[in-house]
PDB file of N, CA and C in Angstrom:
ATOM      1  N   UNK A   1       0.703  -1.339  -0.045  1.00  0.00           N
ATOM      2  CA  UNK A   1       0.153   0.005  -0.159  1.00  0.00           C
ATOM      3  C   UNK A   1       1.107   1.498  -0.019  1.00  0.00           C
ATOM      4  N   UNK A   2       0.753   2.346  -0.666  1.00  0.00           N
ATOM      5  CA  UNK A   2       1.398   3.393  -0.869  1.00  0.00           C
ATOM      6  C   UNK A   2       0.848   4.720  -0.225  1.00  0.00           C
ATOM      7  N   UNK A   3       1.480   5.469   0.300  1.00  0.00           N
ATOM      8  CA  UNK A   3       1.246   6.542   1.145  1.00  0.00           C
ATOM      9  C   UNK A   3       0.991   7.787   0.129  1.00  0.00           C
ATOM     10  N   UNK A   4      -0.428   8.213   0.306  1.00  0.00           N
ATOM     11  CA  UNK A   4      -0.309   9.562  -1.034  1.00  0.00           C
ATOM     12  C   UNK A   4      -0.374  10.600   0.188  1.00  0.00           C
ATOM     13  N   UNK A   5       0.728  11.699  -0.287  1.00  0.00           N
ATOM     14  CA  UNK A   5       0.559  12.968   0.305  1.00  0.00           C
ATOM     15  C   UNK A   5      -0.518  13.921  -0.212  1.00  0.00           C
ATOM     16  N   UNK A   6      -1.132  14.493   0.469  1.00  0.00           N
ATOM     17  CA  UNK A   6      -2.316  15.301   0.056  1.00  0.00           C
ATOM     18  C   UNK A   6      -1.612  16.660  -0.630  1.00  0.00           C
ATOM     19  N   UNK A   7      -2.314  17.064  -1.838  1.00  0.00           N
ATOM     20  CA  UNK A   7      -1.963  18.062  -2.578  1.00  0.00           C
ATOM     21  C   UNK A   7      -1.587  19.540  -1.656  1.00  0.00           C
ATOM     22  N   UNK A   8      -2.557  19.749  -0.903  1.00  0.00           N
ATOM     23  CA  UNK A   8      -2.444  20.981  -0.184  1.00  0.00           C
ATOM     24  C   UNK A   8      -0.933  21.186   0.629  1.00  0.00           C
ATOM     25  N   UNK A   9      -0.542  19.877   1.135  1.00  0.00           N
ATOM     26  CA  UNK A   9       0.633  19.943   1.877  1.00  0.00           C
ATOM     27  C   UNK A   9       1.730  20.131   0.907  1.00  0.00           C
ATOM     28  N   UNK A  10       1.836  19.508  -0.350  1.00  0.00           N
ATOM     29  CA  UNK A  10       2.804  19.598  -1.482  1.00  0.00           C
ATOM     30  C   UNK A  10       2.942  21.062  -2.029  1.00  0.00           C
ATOM     31  N   UNK A  11       1.667  21.711  -2.110  1.00  0.00           N
ATOM     32  CA  UNK A  11       1.653  23.072  -2.537  1.00  0.00           C
ATOM     33  C   UNK A  11       2.204  24.063  -1.346  1.00  0.00           C
ATOM     34  N   UNK A  12       1.644  23.829  -0.322  1.00  0.00           N
ATOM     35  CA  UNK A  12       2.550  24.705   0.791  1.00  0.00           C
ATOM     36  C   UNK A  12       3.884  24.230   1.006  1.00  0.00           C
ATOM     37  N   UNK A  13       4.098  23.290   0.728  1.00  0.00           N
ATOM     38  CA  UNK A  13       5.992  22.944   0.845  1.00  0.00           C
ATOM     39  C   UNK A  13       6.339  23.945  -0.288  1.00  0.00           C
ATOM     40  N   UNK A  14       6.161  23.604  -1.457  1.00  0.00           N
ATOM     41  CA  UNK A  14       6.802  24.444  -2.553  1.00  0.00           C
ATOM     42  C   UNK A  14       6.586  25.908  -2.747  1.00  0.00           C
ATOM     43  N   UNK A  15       5.517  26.433  -1.888  1.00  0.00           N
ATOM     44  CA  UNK A  15       5.219  27.729  -1.949  1.00  0.00           C
ATOM     45  C   UNK A  15       6.323  28.537  -0.612  1.00  0.00           C
ATOM     46  N   UNK A  16       6.269  27.648   0.442  1.00  0.00           N
ATOM     47  CA  UNK A  16       7.534  27.895   1.385  1.00  0.00           C
ATOM     48  C   UNK A  16       8.815  28.083   0.931  1.00  0.00           C
ATOM     49  N   UNK A  17       9.123  27.001  -0.159  1.00  0.00           N
ATOM     50  CA  UNK A  17      10.497  26.993  -0.685  1.00  0.00           C
ATOM     51  C   UNK A  17      10.717  28.370  -1.718  1.00  0.00           C
ATOM     52  N   UNK A  18       9.625  28.355  -2.348  1.00  0.00           N
ATOM     53  CA  UNK A  18       9.780  29.598  -3.093  1.00  0.00           C
ATOM     54  C   UNK A  18       9.976  31.037  -2.467  1.00  0.00           C
ATOM     55  N   UNK A  19       9.422  31.057  -1.286  1.00  0.00           N
ATOM     56  CA  UNK A  19       9.252  32.185  -0.642  1.00  0.00           C
ATOM     57  C   UNK A  19      10.692  32.487   0.133  1.00  0.00           C
ATOM     58  N   UNK A  20      11.220  31.213   0.734  1.00  0.00           N
ATOM     59  CA  UNK A  20      12.604  31.149   1.357  1.00  0.00           C
ATOM     60  C   UNK A  20      13.421  31.595   0.036  1.00  0.00           C
ATOM     61  N   UNK A  21      13.106  31.187  -0.902  1.00  0.00           N
ATOM     62  CA  UNK A  21      14.579  31.506  -1.999  1.00  0.00           C
ATOM     63  C   UNK A  21      14.371  32.590  -2.448  1.00  0.00           C
ATOM     64  N   UNK A  22      13.193  32.937  -2.780  1.00  0.00           N
ATOM     65  CA  UNK A  22      13.081  34.702  -3.357  1.00  0.00           C
ATOM     66  C   UNK A  22      13.773  35.588  -2.204  1.00  0.00           C
ATOM     67  N   UNK A  23      13.490  35.635  -0.869  1.00  0.00           N
ATOM     68  CA  UNK A  23      14.151  36.211   0.238  1.00  0.00           C
ATOM     69  C   UNK A  23      15.137  36.120   0.122  1.00  0.00           C
ATOM     70  N   UNK A  24      15.874  35.272  -0.308  1.00  0.00           N
ATOM     71  CA  UNK A  24      17.464  35.221  -0.216  1.00  0.00           C
ATOM     72  C   UNK A  24      18.122  35.619  -1.452  1.00  0.00           C
ATOM     73  N   UNK A  25      17.334  35.656  -2.437  1.00  0.00           N
ATOM     74  CA  UNK A  25      17.837  35.819  -4.012  1.00  0.00           C
ATOM     75  C   UNK A  25      18.381  37.600  -3.918  1.00  0.00           C
ATOM     76  N   UNK A  26      17.593  38.274  -3.383  1.00  0.00           N
ATOM     77  CA  UNK A  26      18.289  40.234  -3.390  1.00  0.00           C
ATOM     78  C   UNK A  26      19.505  40.155  -3.153  1.00  0.00           C
ATOM     79  N   UNK A  27      19.437  39.425  -1.545  1.00  0.00           N
ATOM     80  CA  UNK A  27      20.643  39.513  -0.474  1.00  0.00           C
ATOM     81  C   UNK A  27      22.059  38.985  -1.328  1.00  0.00           C
ATOM     82  N   UNK A  28      22.130  38.011  -2.159  1.00  0.00           N
ATOM     83  CA  UNK A  28      22.888  37.021  -2.894  1.00  0.00           C
ATOM     84  C   UNK A  28      23.362  37.760  -4.141  1.00  0.00           C
ATOM     85  N   UNK A  29      22.485  38.680  -4.776  1.00  0.00           N
ATOM     86  CA  UNK A  29      22.555  39.511  -6.021  1.00  0.00           C
ATOM     87  C   UNK A  29      23.226  40.588  -5.652  1.00  0.00           C
ATOM     88  N   UNK A  30      23.073  41.231  -4.414  1.00  0.00           N
ATOM     89  CA  UNK A  30      23.993  42.609  -4.342  1.00  0.00           C
ATOM     90  C   UNK A  30      25.280  42.412  -4.267  1.00  0.00           C
ATOM     91  N   UNK A  31      26.300  42.956  -4.549  1.00  0.00           N
ATOM     92  CA  UNK A  31      27.960  43.065  -4.644  1.00  0.00           C
ATOM     93  C   UNK A  31      28.052  43.466  -3.279  1.00  0.00           C
ATOM     94  N   UNK A  32      29.274  42.784  -2.659  1.00  0.00           N
ATOM     95  CA  UNK A  32      29.477  43.510  -1.360  1.00  0.00           C
ATOM     96  C   UNK A  32      30.295  44.789  -1.543  1.00  0.00           C
ATOM     97  N   UNK A  33      30.602  45.559  -0.812  1.00  0.00           N
ATOM     98  CA  UNK A  33      31.002  46.739  -1.070  1.00  0.00           C
ATOM     99  C   UNK A  33      32.574  46.967  -1.258  1.00  0.00           C
ATOM    100  N   UNK A  34      33.393  45.913  -0.893  1.00  0.00           N
ATOM    101  CA  UNK A  34      34.721  45.565  -1.221  1.00  0.00           C
ATOM    102  C   UNK A  34      34.738  45.269  -2.513  1.00  0.00           C
ATOM    103  N   UNK A  35      33.963  44.686  -3.220  1.00  0.00           N
ATOM    104  CA  UNK A  35      34.007  44.431  -4.599  1.00  0.00           C
ATOM    105  C   UNK A  35      33.691  45.555  -5.578  1.00  0.00           C
ATOM    106  N   UNK A  36      32.953  46.511  -4.778  1.00  0.00           N
ATOM    107  CA  UNK A  36      32.410  47.954  -5.493  1.00  0.00           C
ATOM    108  C   UNK A  36      33.252  48.639  -5.693  1.00  0.00           C
ATOM    109  N   UNK A  37      34.088  48.804  -4.398  1.00  0.00           N
ATOM    110  CA  UNK A  37      35.450  49.480  -4.599  1.00  0.00           C
ATOM    111  C   UNK A  37      36.890  49.294  -5.399  1.00  0.00           C
ATOM    112  N   UNK A  38      36.877  47.838  -5.432  1.00  0.00           N
ATOM    113  CA  UNK A  38      37.667  47.161  -6.503  1.00  0.00           C
ATOM    114  C   UNK A  38      37.479  47.932  -7.818  1.00  0.00           C
ATOM    115  N   UNK A  39      36.367  47.377  -8.433  1.00  0.00           N
ATOM    116  CA  UNK A  39      36.015  47.796  -9.659  1.00  0.00           C
ATOM    117  C   UNK A  39      36.018  49.204 -10.012  1.00  0.00           C
ATOM    118  N   UNK A  40      35.768  50.284  -9.073  1.00  0.00           N
ATOM    119  CA  UNK A  40      35.999  51.650  -9.035  1.00  0.00           C
ATOM    120  C   UNK A  40      37.618  51.871  -9.214  1.00  0.00           C
ATOM    121  N   UNK A  41      38.024  51.315  -8.620  1.00  0.00           N
ATOM    122  CA  UNK A  41      39.831  51.341  -8.724  1.00  0.00           C
ATOM    123  C   UNK A  41      40.325  51.105 -10.001  1.00  0.00           C
ATOM    124  N   UNK A  42      39.464  49.881 -10.453  1.00  0.00           N
ATOM    125  CA  UNK A  42      40.228  49.475 -11.846  1.00  0.00           C
ATOM    126  C   UNK A  42      39.580  50.238 -12.728  1.00  0.00           C
ATOM    127  N   UNK A  43      38.354  50.880 -12.996  1.00  0.00           N
ATOM    128  CA  UNK A  43      37.878  51.939 -13.594  1.00  0.00           C
ATOM    129  C   UNK A  43      39.061  53.159 -13.589  1.00  0.00           C
ATOM    130  N   UNK A  44      39.444  53.702 -12.459  1.00  0.00           N
ATOM    131  CA  UNK A  44      39.965  54.753 -12.507  1.00  0.00           C
ATOM    132  C   UNK A  44      41.558  54.583 -12.928  1.00  0.00           C
ATOM    133  N   UNK A  45      42.039  53.358 -13.043  1.00  0.00           N
ATOM    134  CA  UNK A  45      43.255  52.863 -13.701  1.00  0.00           C
ATOM    135  C   UNK A  45      42.929  53.270 -14.962  1.00  0.00           C
ATOM    136  N   UNK A  46      42.088  52.537 -15.641  1.00  0.00           N
ATOM    137  CA  UNK A  46      41.784  52.592 -17.241  1.00  0.00           C
ATOM    138  C   UNK A  46      41.374  53.803 -17.507  1.00  0.00           C
ATOM    139  N   UNK A  47      40.572  54.977 -16.816  1.00  0.00           N
ATOM    140  CA  UNK A  47      40.399  56.043 -16.881  1.00  0.00           C
ATOM    141  C   UNK A  47      42.140  56.915 -16.926  1.00  0.00           C
ATOM    142  N   UNK A  48      42.876  56.523 -16.301  1.00  0.00           N
ATOM    143  CA  UNK A  48      44.122  57.329 -16.010  1.00  0.00           C
ATOM    144  C   UNK A  48      44.780  56.967 -17.158  1.00  0.00           C
ATOM    145  N   UNK A  49      45.071  55.785 -17.968  1.00  0.00           N
ATOM    146  CA  UNK A  49      45.809  54.993 -19.017  1.00  0.00           C
ATOM    147  C   UNK A  49      45.016  55.770 -19.982  1.00  0.00           C
ATOM    148  N   UNK A  50      43.796  55.797 -20.037  1.00  0.00           N
ATOM    149  CA  UNK A  50      43.254  56.641 -21.150  1.00  0.00           C
ATOM    150  C   UNK A  50      43.587  57.962 -21.549  1.00  0.00           C
ATOM    151  N   UNK A  51      43.523  58.652 -20.400  1.00  0.00           N
ATOM    152  CA  UNK A  51      44.409  60.309 -20.380  1.00  0.00           C
ATOM    153  C   UNK A  51      45.667  59.981 -20.780  1.00  0.00           C
ATOM    154  N   UNK A  52      46.490  59.208 -20.042  1.00  0.00           N
ATOM    155  CA  UNK A  52      47.802  59.379 -20.373  1.00  0.00           C
ATOM    156  C   UNK A  52      47.924  58.891 -21.867  1.00  0.00           C
ATOM    157  N   UNK A  53      47.392  58.084 -22.766  1.00  0.00           N
ATOM    158  CA  UNK A  53      47.275  57.926 -24.042  1.00  0.00           C
ATOM    159  C   UNK A  53      47.011  59.037 -24.839  1.00  0.00           C
ATOM    160  N   UNK A  54      45.930  60.094 -24.461  1.00  0.00           N
ATOM    161  CA  UNK A  54      45.820  61.271 -25.291  1.00  0.00           C
ATOM    162  C   UNK A  54      47.168  62.286 -25.024  1.00  0.00           C
ATOM    163  N   UNK A  55      47.554  61.959 -23.776  1.00  0.00           N
ATOM    164  CA  UNK A  55      48.812  63.340 -23.445  1.00  0.00           C
ATOM    165  C   UNK A  55      49.922  62.994 -24.197  1.00  0.00           C
ATOM    166  N   UNK A  56      49.910  61.743 -24.310  1.00  0.00           N
ATOM    167  CA  UNK A  56      51.324  61.175 -24.998  1.00  0.00           C
ATOM    168  C   UNK A  56      51.025  61.357 -26.752  1.00  0.00           C
ATOM    169  N   UNK A  57      49.637  61.251 -27.022  1.00  0.00           N
ATOM    170  CA  UNK A  57      49.688  61.332 -28.527  1.00  0.00           C
ATOM    171  C   UNK A  57      49.542  62.994 -28.981  1.00  0.00           C
ATOM    172  N   UNK A  58      49.175  63.757 -28.060  1.00  0.00           N
ATOM    173  CA  UNK A  58      49.731  65.211 -28.181  1.00  0.00           C
ATOM    174  C   UNK A  58      50.938  65.607 -27.883  1.00  0.00           C
ATOM    175  N   UNK A  59      51.874  65.059 -27.119  1.00  0.00           N
ATOM    176  CA  UNK A  59      53.015  65.015 -27.179  1.00  0.00           C
ATOM    177  C   UNK A  59      53.896  65.070 -28.322  1.00  0.00           C
ATOM    178  N   UNK A  60      53.541  63.760 -28.797  1.00  0.00           N
ATOM    179  CA  UNK A  60      54.065  62.906 -30.153  1.00  0.00           C
ATOM    180  C   UNK A  60      53.657  63.946 -31.389  1.00  0.00           C
ATOM    181  N   UNK A  61      52.436  64.541 -31.391  1.00  0.00           N
ATOM    182  CA  UNK A  61      52.257  65.622 -32.511  1.00  0.00           C
ATOM    183  C   UNK A  61      52.922  66.751 -32.180  1.00  0.00           C
ATOM    184  N   UNK A  62      53.223  67.439 -31.136  1.00  0.00           N
ATOM    185  CA  UNK A  62      54.030  68.567 -31.012  1.00  0.00           C
ATOM    186  C   UNK A  62      55.395  68.147 -31.596  1.00  0.00           C
ATOM    187  N   UNK A  63      55.863  66.861 -31.046  1.00  0.00           N
ATOM    188  CA  UNK A  63      57.209  66.738 -31.349  1.00  0.00           C
ATOM    189  C   UNK A  63      57.576  66.385 -33.185  1.00  0.00           C
ATOM    190  N   UNK A  64      56.754  65.910 -33.679  1.00  0.00           N
ATOM    191  CA  UNK A  64      56.784  65.444 -34.952  1.00  0.00           C
ATOM    192  C   UNK A  64      56.557  67.037 -35.937  1.00  0.00           C
ATOM    193  N   UNK A  65      55.643  67.669 -35.285  1.00  0.00           N
ATOM    194  CA  UNK A  65      55.344  68.988 -35.747  1.00  0.00           C
ATOM    195  C   UNK A  65      56.752  69.998 -35.803  1.00  0.00           C
ATOM    196  N   UNK A  66      57.102  69.946 -34.674  1.00  0.00           N
ATOM    197  CA  UNK A  66      58.664  70.690 -34.371  1.00  0.00           C
ATOM    198  C   UNK A  66      59.472  69.910 -35.398  1.00  0.00           C
ATOM    199  N   UNK A  67      59.882  68.793 -35.550  1.00  0.00           N
ATOM    200  CA  UNK A  67      60.798  68.132 -36.398  1.00  0.00           C
ATOM    201  C   UNK A  67      60.560  68.392 -37.799  1.00  0.00           C
ATOM    202  N   UNK A  68      59.098  68.280 -38.257  1.00  0.00           N
ATOM    203  CA  UNK A  68      58.862  68.849 -39.783  1.00  0.00           C
ATOM    204  C   UNK A  68      58.965  70.507 -40.039  1.00  0.00           C
ATOM    205  N   UNK A  69      58.831  70.984 -39.025  1.00  0.00           N
ATOM    206  CA  UNK A  69      59.468  72.700 -39.016  1.00  0.00           C
ATOM    207  C   UNK A  69      60.597  72.672 -39.469  1.00  0.00           C
ATOM    208  N   UNK A  70      61.556  71.815 -38.350  1.00  0.00           N
ATOM    209  CA  UNK A  70      63.156  72.062 -38.461  1.00  0.00           C
ATOM    210  C   UNK A  70      63.395  71.582 -39.967  1.00  0.00           C
ATOM    211  N   UNK A  71      63.026  70.566 -40.280  1.00  0.00           N
ATOM    212  CA  UNK A  71      63.439  70.065 -41.677  1.00  0.00           C
ATOM    213  C   UNK A  71      63.048  71.015 -42.843  1.00  0.00           C
ATOM    214  N   UNK A  72      61.884  71.640 -42.694  1.00  0.00           N
ATOM    215  CA  UNK A  72      61.472  72.873 -43.528  1.00  0.00           C
ATOM    216  C   UNK A  72      62.392  73.899 -43.479  1.00  0.00           C
ATOM    217  N   UNK A  73      63.061  74.197 -42.223  1.00  0.00           N
ATOM    218  CA  UNK A  73      63.973  75.387 -42.266  1.00  0.00           C
ATOM    219  C   UNK A  73      65.286  74.814 -42.922  1.00  0.00           C
ATOM    220  N   UNK A  74      65.564  73.509 -42.653  1.00  0.00           N
ATOM    221  CA  UNK A  74      67.084  73.142 -43.426  1.00  0.00           C
ATOM    222  C   UNK A  74      66.868  72.746 -44.815  1.00  0.00           C
ATOM    223  N   UNK A  75      65.302  72.988 -45.251  1.00  0.00           N
ATOM    224  CA  UNK A  75      65.449  72.413 -46.571  1.00  0.00           C
ATOM    225  C   UNK A  75      65.540  71.073 -46.982  1.00  0.00           C
ATOM    226  N   UNK A  76      65.385  70.151 -45.983  1.00  0.00           N
ATOM    227  CA  UNK A  76      65.355  68.535 -46.090  1.00  0.00           C
ATOM    228  C   UNK A  76      64.496  68.410 -47.377  1.00  0.00           C
ATOM    229  N   UNK A  77      65.146  67.203 -48.270  1.00  0.00           N
ATOM    230  CA  UNK A  77      64.034  66.575 -49.391  1.00  0.00           C
ATOM    231  C   UNK A  77      64.656  65.095 -49.004  1.00  0.00           C
ATOM    232  N   UNK A  78      63.759  64.319 -49.882  1.00  0.00           N
ATOM    233  CA  UNK A  78      63.702  63.060 -50.557  1.00  0.00           C
ATOM    234  C   UNK A  78      63.313  62.326 -49.127  1.00  0.00           C
ATOM    235  N   UNK A  79      64.026  61.344 -48.642  1.00  0.00           N
ATOM    236  CA  UNK A  79      63.710  60.245 -47.584  1.00  0.00           C
ATOM    237  C   UNK A  79      63.495  61.059 -46.444  1.00  0.00           C
ATOM    238  N   UNK A  80      64.456  61.905 -45.914  1.00  0.00           N
ATOM    239  CA  UNK A  80      64.169  62.457 -44.496  1.00  0.00           C
ATOM    240  C   UNK A  80      62.814  63.040 -44.544  1.00  0.00           C
ATOM    241  N   UNK A  81      62.794  63.950 -45.655  1.00  0.00           N
ATOM    242  CA  UNK A  81      61.258  64.702 -45.451  1.00  0.00           C
ATOM    243  C   UNK A  81      60.053  64.054 -45.705  1.00  0.00           C
ATOM    244  N   UNK A  82      60.139  63.049 -46.523  1.00  0.00           N
ATOM    245  CA  UNK A  82      58.683  61.849 -46.494  1.00  0.00           C
ATOM    246  C   UNK A  82      58.893  61.298 -45.107  1.00  0.00           C
ATOM    247  N   UNK A  83      59.803  60.861 -44.320  1.00  0.00           N
ATOM    248  CA  UNK A  83      60.089  60.267 -43.125  1.00  0.00           C
ATOM    249  C   UNK A  83      59.358  61.333 -42.008  1.00  0.00           C
ATOM    250  N   UNK A  84      59.664  62.606 -41.878  1.00  0.00           N
ATOM    251  CA  UNK A  84      58.785  63.441 -41.294  1.00  0.00           C
ATOM    252  C   UNK A  84      57.611  63.755 -41.416  1.00  0.00           C
ATOM    253  N   UNK A  85      57.037  63.877 -43.044  1.00  0.00           N
ATOM    254  CA  UNK A  85      55.532  63.613 -43.406  1.00  0.00           C
ATOM    255  C   UNK A  85      54.736  62.585 -42.651  1.00  0.00           C
ATOM    256  N   UNK A  86      55.576  61.462 -42.700  1.00  0.00           N
ATOM    257  CA  UNK A  86      54.946  60.316 -42.390  1.00  0.00           C
ATOM    258  C   UNK A  86      54.628  60.127 -40.792  1.00  0.00           C
ATOM    259  N   UNK A  87      55.725  60.531 -40.089  1.00  0.00           N
ATOM    260  CA  UNK A  87      55.495  60.728 -38.933  1.00  0.00           C
ATOM    261  C   UNK A  87      54.380  61.386 -38.395  1.00  0.00           C
ATOM    262  N   UNK A  88      54.484  62.522 -38.905  1.00  0.00           N
ATOM    263  CA  UNK A  88      53.711  63.596 -38.818  1.00  0.00           C
ATOM    264  C   UNK A  88      52.242  63.322 -38.838  1.00  0.00           C
ATOM    265  N   UNK A  89      51.761  62.459 -39.955  1.00  0.00           N
ATOM    266  CA  UNK A  89      50.693  61.952 -40.211  1.00  0.00           C
ATOM    267  C   UNK A  89      50.218  60.720 -39.299  1.00  0.00           C
ATOM    268  N   UNK A  90      51.193  60.131 -38.736  1.00  0.00           N
ATOM    269  CA  UNK A  90      50.940  58.886 -37.827  1.00  0.00           C
ATOM    270  C   UNK A  90      50.784  59.645 -36.492  1.00  0.00           C
ATOM    271  N   UNK A  91      51.304  60.372 -36.233  1.00  0.00           N
ATOM    272  CA  UNK A  91      50.946  61.025 -34.948  1.00  0.00           C
ATOM    273  C   UNK A  91      49.884  61.527 -34.910  1.00  0.00           C
ATOM    274  N   UNK A  92      49.616  61.865 -35.834  1.00  0.00           N
ATOM    275  CA  UNK A  92      48.020  62.932 -35.740  1.00  0.00           C
ATOM    276  C   UNK A  92      46.811  61.859 -36.011  1.00  0.00           C
ATOM    277  N   UNK A  93      47.078  60.811 -36.608  1.00  0.00           N
ATOM    278  CA  UNK A  93      46.168  59.711 -36.709  1.00  0.00           C
ATOM    279  C   UNK A  93      46.029  59.279 -35.295  1.00  0.00           C
ATOM    280  N   UNK A  94      47.162  58.965 -34.629  1.00  0.00           N
ATOM    281  CA  UNK A  94      47.058  58.425 -33.463  1.00  0.00           C
ATOM    282  C   UNK A  94      46.397  59.463 -32.301  1.00  0.00           C
ATOM    283  N   UNK A  95      46.620  60.747 -32.633  1.00  0.00           N
ATOM    284  CA  UNK A  95      45.836  61.529 -31.625  1.00  0.00           C
ATOM    285  C   UNK A  95      44.254  61.654 -31.802  1.00  0.00           C
ATOM    286  N   UNK A  96      44.109  61.502 -32.700  1.00  0.00           N
ATOM    287  CA  UNK A  96      42.682  61.313 -33.231  1.00  0.00           C
ATOM    288  C   UNK A  96      41.931  60.247 -32.807  1.00  0.00           C
ATOM    289  N   UNK A  97      42.742  59.196 -32.821  1.00  0.00           N
ATOM    290  CA  UNK A  97      42.233  57.793 -32.278  1.00  0.00           C
ATOM    291  C   UNK A  97      41.736  57.762 -30.849  1.00  0.00           C
ATOM    292  N   UNK A  98      42.903  58.528 -30.183  1.00  0.00           N
ATOM    293  CA  UNK A  98      43.016  58.673 -28.693  1.00  0.00           C
ATOM    294  C   UNK A  98      41.749  59.556 -28.132  1.00  0.00           C
ATOM    295  N   UNK A  99      41.830  60.705 -28.797  1.00  0.00           N
ATOM    296  CA  UNK A  99      40.317  61.853 -28.436  1.00  0.00           C
ATOM    297  C   UNK A  99      39.157  61.013 -28.840  1.00  0.00           C
ATOM    298  N   UNK A 100      38.647  60.065 -29.664  1.00  0.00           N
ATOM    299  CA  UNK A 100      37.600  59.473 -29.947  1.00  0.00           C
ATOM    300  C   UNK A 100      37.556  58.528 -28.877  1.00  0.00           C
ATOM    301  N   UNK A 101      38.370  58.116 -28.381  1.00  0.00           N
ATOM    302  CA  UNK A 101      38.051  56.641 -27.864  1.00  0.00           C
ATOM    303  C   UNK A 101      38.036  57.115 -26.378  1.00  0.00           C
ATOM    304  N   UNK A 102      38.285  58.448 -25.694  1.00  0.00           N
ATOM    305  CA  UNK A 102      38.298  59.044 -24.603  1.00  0.00           C
ATOM    306  C   UNK A 102      36.842  59.251 -24.310  1.00  0.00           C
ATOM    307  N   UNK A 103      36.078  59.794 -24.802  1.00  0.00           N
ATOM    308  CA  UNK A 103      34.408  59.795 -24.538  1.00  0.00           C
ATOM    309  C   UNK A 103      34.027  58.579 -24.047  1.00  0.00           C
ATOM    310  N   UNK A 104      34.466  57.891 -25.160  1.00  0.00           N
ATOM    311  CA  UNK A 104      33.604  56.257 -25.170  1.00  0.00           C
ATOM    312  C   UNK A 104      34.101  55.759 -23.729  1.00  0.00           C
ATOM    313  N   UNK A 105      35.427  56.005 -23.403  1.00  0.00           N
ATOM    314  CA  UNK A 105      35.736  54.970 -22.116  1.00  0.00           C
ATOM    315  C   UNK A 105      35.198  55.806 -20.956  1.00  0.00           C
ATOM    316  N   UNK A 106      34.952  57.070 -20.853  1.00  0.00           N
ATOM    317  CA  UNK A 106      34.460  58.007 -19.904  1.00  0.00           C
ATOM    318  C   UNK A 106      32.873  57.497 -19.833  1.00  0.00           C
ATOM    319  N   UNK A 107      32.103  57.233 -20.656  1.00  0.00           N
ATOM    320  CA  UNK A 107      30.874  56.989 -20.894  1.00  0.00           C
ATOM    321  C   UNK A 107      30.811  55.574 -20.338  1.00  0.00           C
ATOM    322  N   UNK A 108      31.523  54.915 -20.700  1.00  0.00           N
ATOM    323  CA  UNK A 108      31.439  53.109 -20.144  1.00  0.00           C
ATOM    324  C   UNK A 108      31.521  53.285 -18.670  1.00  0.00           C
ATOM    325  N   UNK A 109      32.489  54.128 -18.062  1.00  0.00           N
ATOM    326  CA  UNK A 109      32.752  54.121 -16.693  1.00  0.00           C
ATOM    327  C   UNK A 109      31.483  54.686 -15.879  1.00  0.00           C
ATOM    328  N   UNK A 110      30.799  55.703 -16.709  1.00  0.00           N
ATOM    329  CA  UNK A 110      29.587  56.155 -16.208  1.00  0.00           C
ATOM    330  C   UNK A 110      28.451  55.305 -15.934  1.00  0.00           C
ATOM    331  N   UNK A 111      28.379  54.250 -17.176  1.00  0.00           N
ATOM    332  CA  UNK A 111      27.362  53.228 -17.479  1.00  0.00           C
ATOM    333  C   UNK A 111      27.978  51.872 -16.387  1.00  0.00           C
ATOM    334  N   UNK A 112      29.187  51.650 -15.944  1.00  0.00           N
ATOM    335  CA  UNK A 112      29.633  50.805 -15.384  1.00  0.00           C
ATOM    336  C   UNK A 112      29.151  51.223 -13.829  1.00  0.00           C
ATOM    337  N   UNK A 113      29.181  52.419 -13.494  1.00  0.00           N
ATOM    338  CA  UNK A 113      28.207  52.622 -11.917  1.00  0.00           C
ATOM    339  C   UNK A 113      29.536  53.349 -11.441  1.00  0.00           C
ATOM    340  N   UNK A 114      30.436  54.029 -11.979  1.00  0.00           N
ATOM    341  CA  UNK A 114      31.673  54.758 -11.104  1.00  0.00           C
ATOM    342  C   UNK A 114      31.038  55.649 -10.806  1.00  0.00           C
ATOM    343  N   UNK A 115      31.587  56.123  -9.415  1.00  0.00           N
ATOM    344  CA  UNK A 115      30.777  57.459  -8.646  1.00  0.00           C
ATOM    345  C   UNK A 115      31.337  58.655  -9.726  1.00  0.00           C
ATOM    346  N   UNK A 116      30.325  59.762  -9.322  1.00  0.00           N
ATOM    347  CA  UNK A 116      30.795  60.903 -10.227  1.00  0.00           C
ATOM    348  C   UNK A 116      32.061  61.511  -9.469  1.00  0.00           C
ATOM    349  N   UNK A 117      32.063  61.250  -8.184  1.00  0.00           N
ATOM    350  CA  UNK A 117      33.471  61.874  -7.690  1.00  0.00           C
ATOM    351  C   UNK A 117      34.600  61.203  -8.196  1.00  0.00           C
ATOM    352  N   UNK A 118      34.645  60.064  -8.336  1.00  0.00           N
ATOM    353  CA  UNK A 118      35.934  59.587  -8.900  1.00  0.00           C
ATOM    354  C   UNK A 118      36.080  59.706 -10.495  1.00  0.00           C
ATOM    355  N   UNK A 119      35.040  60.128 -11.003  1.00  0.00           N
ATOM    356  CA  UNK A 119      35.075  60.790 -12.600  1.00  0.00           C
ATOM    357  C   UNK A 119      35.535  61.954 -12.807  1.00  0.00           C
ATOM    358  N   UNK A 120      35.305  62.901 -11.781  1.00  0.00           N
ATOM    359  CA  UNK A 120      35.496  64.413 -11.635  1.00  0.00           C
ATOM    360  C   UNK A 120      36.694  64.748 -12.520  1.00  0.00           C
ATOM    361  N   UNK A 121      37.966  63.936 -11.645  1.00  0.00           N
ATOM    362  CA  UNK A 121      38.991  64.502 -12.098  1.00  0.00           C
ATOM    363  C   UNK A 121      39.320  64.049 -13.877  1.00  0.00           C
ATOM    364  N   UNK A 122      38.431  63.177 -14.251  1.00  0.00           N
ATOM    365  CA  UNK A 122      38.635  62.972 -15.793  1.00  0.00           C
ATOM    366  C   UNK A 122      37.718  63.477 -16.619  1.00  0.00           C
ATOM    367  N   UNK A 123      36.968  64.619 -16.448  1.00  0.00           N
ATOM    368  CA  UNK A 123      35.995  64.910 -16.962  1.00  0.00           C
ATOM    369  C   UNK A 123      36.587  65.977 -18.270  1.00  0.00           C
ATOM    370  N   UNK A 124      38.026  66.428 -18.395  1.00  0.00           N
ATOM    371  CA  UNK A 124      38.401  66.811 -19.504  1.00  0.00           C
ATOM    372  C   UNK A 124      39.865  66.278 -19.517  1.00  0.00           C
ATOM    373  N   UNK A 125      40.157  65.500 -20.741  1.00  0.00           N
ATOM    374  CA  UNK A 125      41.628  64.845 -20.725  1.00  0.00           C
ATOM    375  C   UNK A 125      42.813  65.977 -20.879  1.00  0.00           C
TER     376      UNK A 125
END
């Protein structure tokens, strides 16, 4: 002879399990405070690297412009002049790419939840 469990008992057991499970889910889904700080510090490092990329590209453009100007003063021709022109163009492309990537990186950090106080020093590269 088999023992049959009444349906109301099964329903109540499932309902209790669902309520207990639902009550613990939001607690488990929230990141711990230490994890949020680590993520923010990682974003600050990424933003610092992005800002340095822009600064290095600007310095490289200035150096290549100065080298090109000196070459023109010395009336350089041929291979030296073409090297100076290509270096100048490459530096300009690098600066353009770095400046285009900067706002995207800043927006990505905002969407990731980095606090406005941490983003304030990076508002303008």
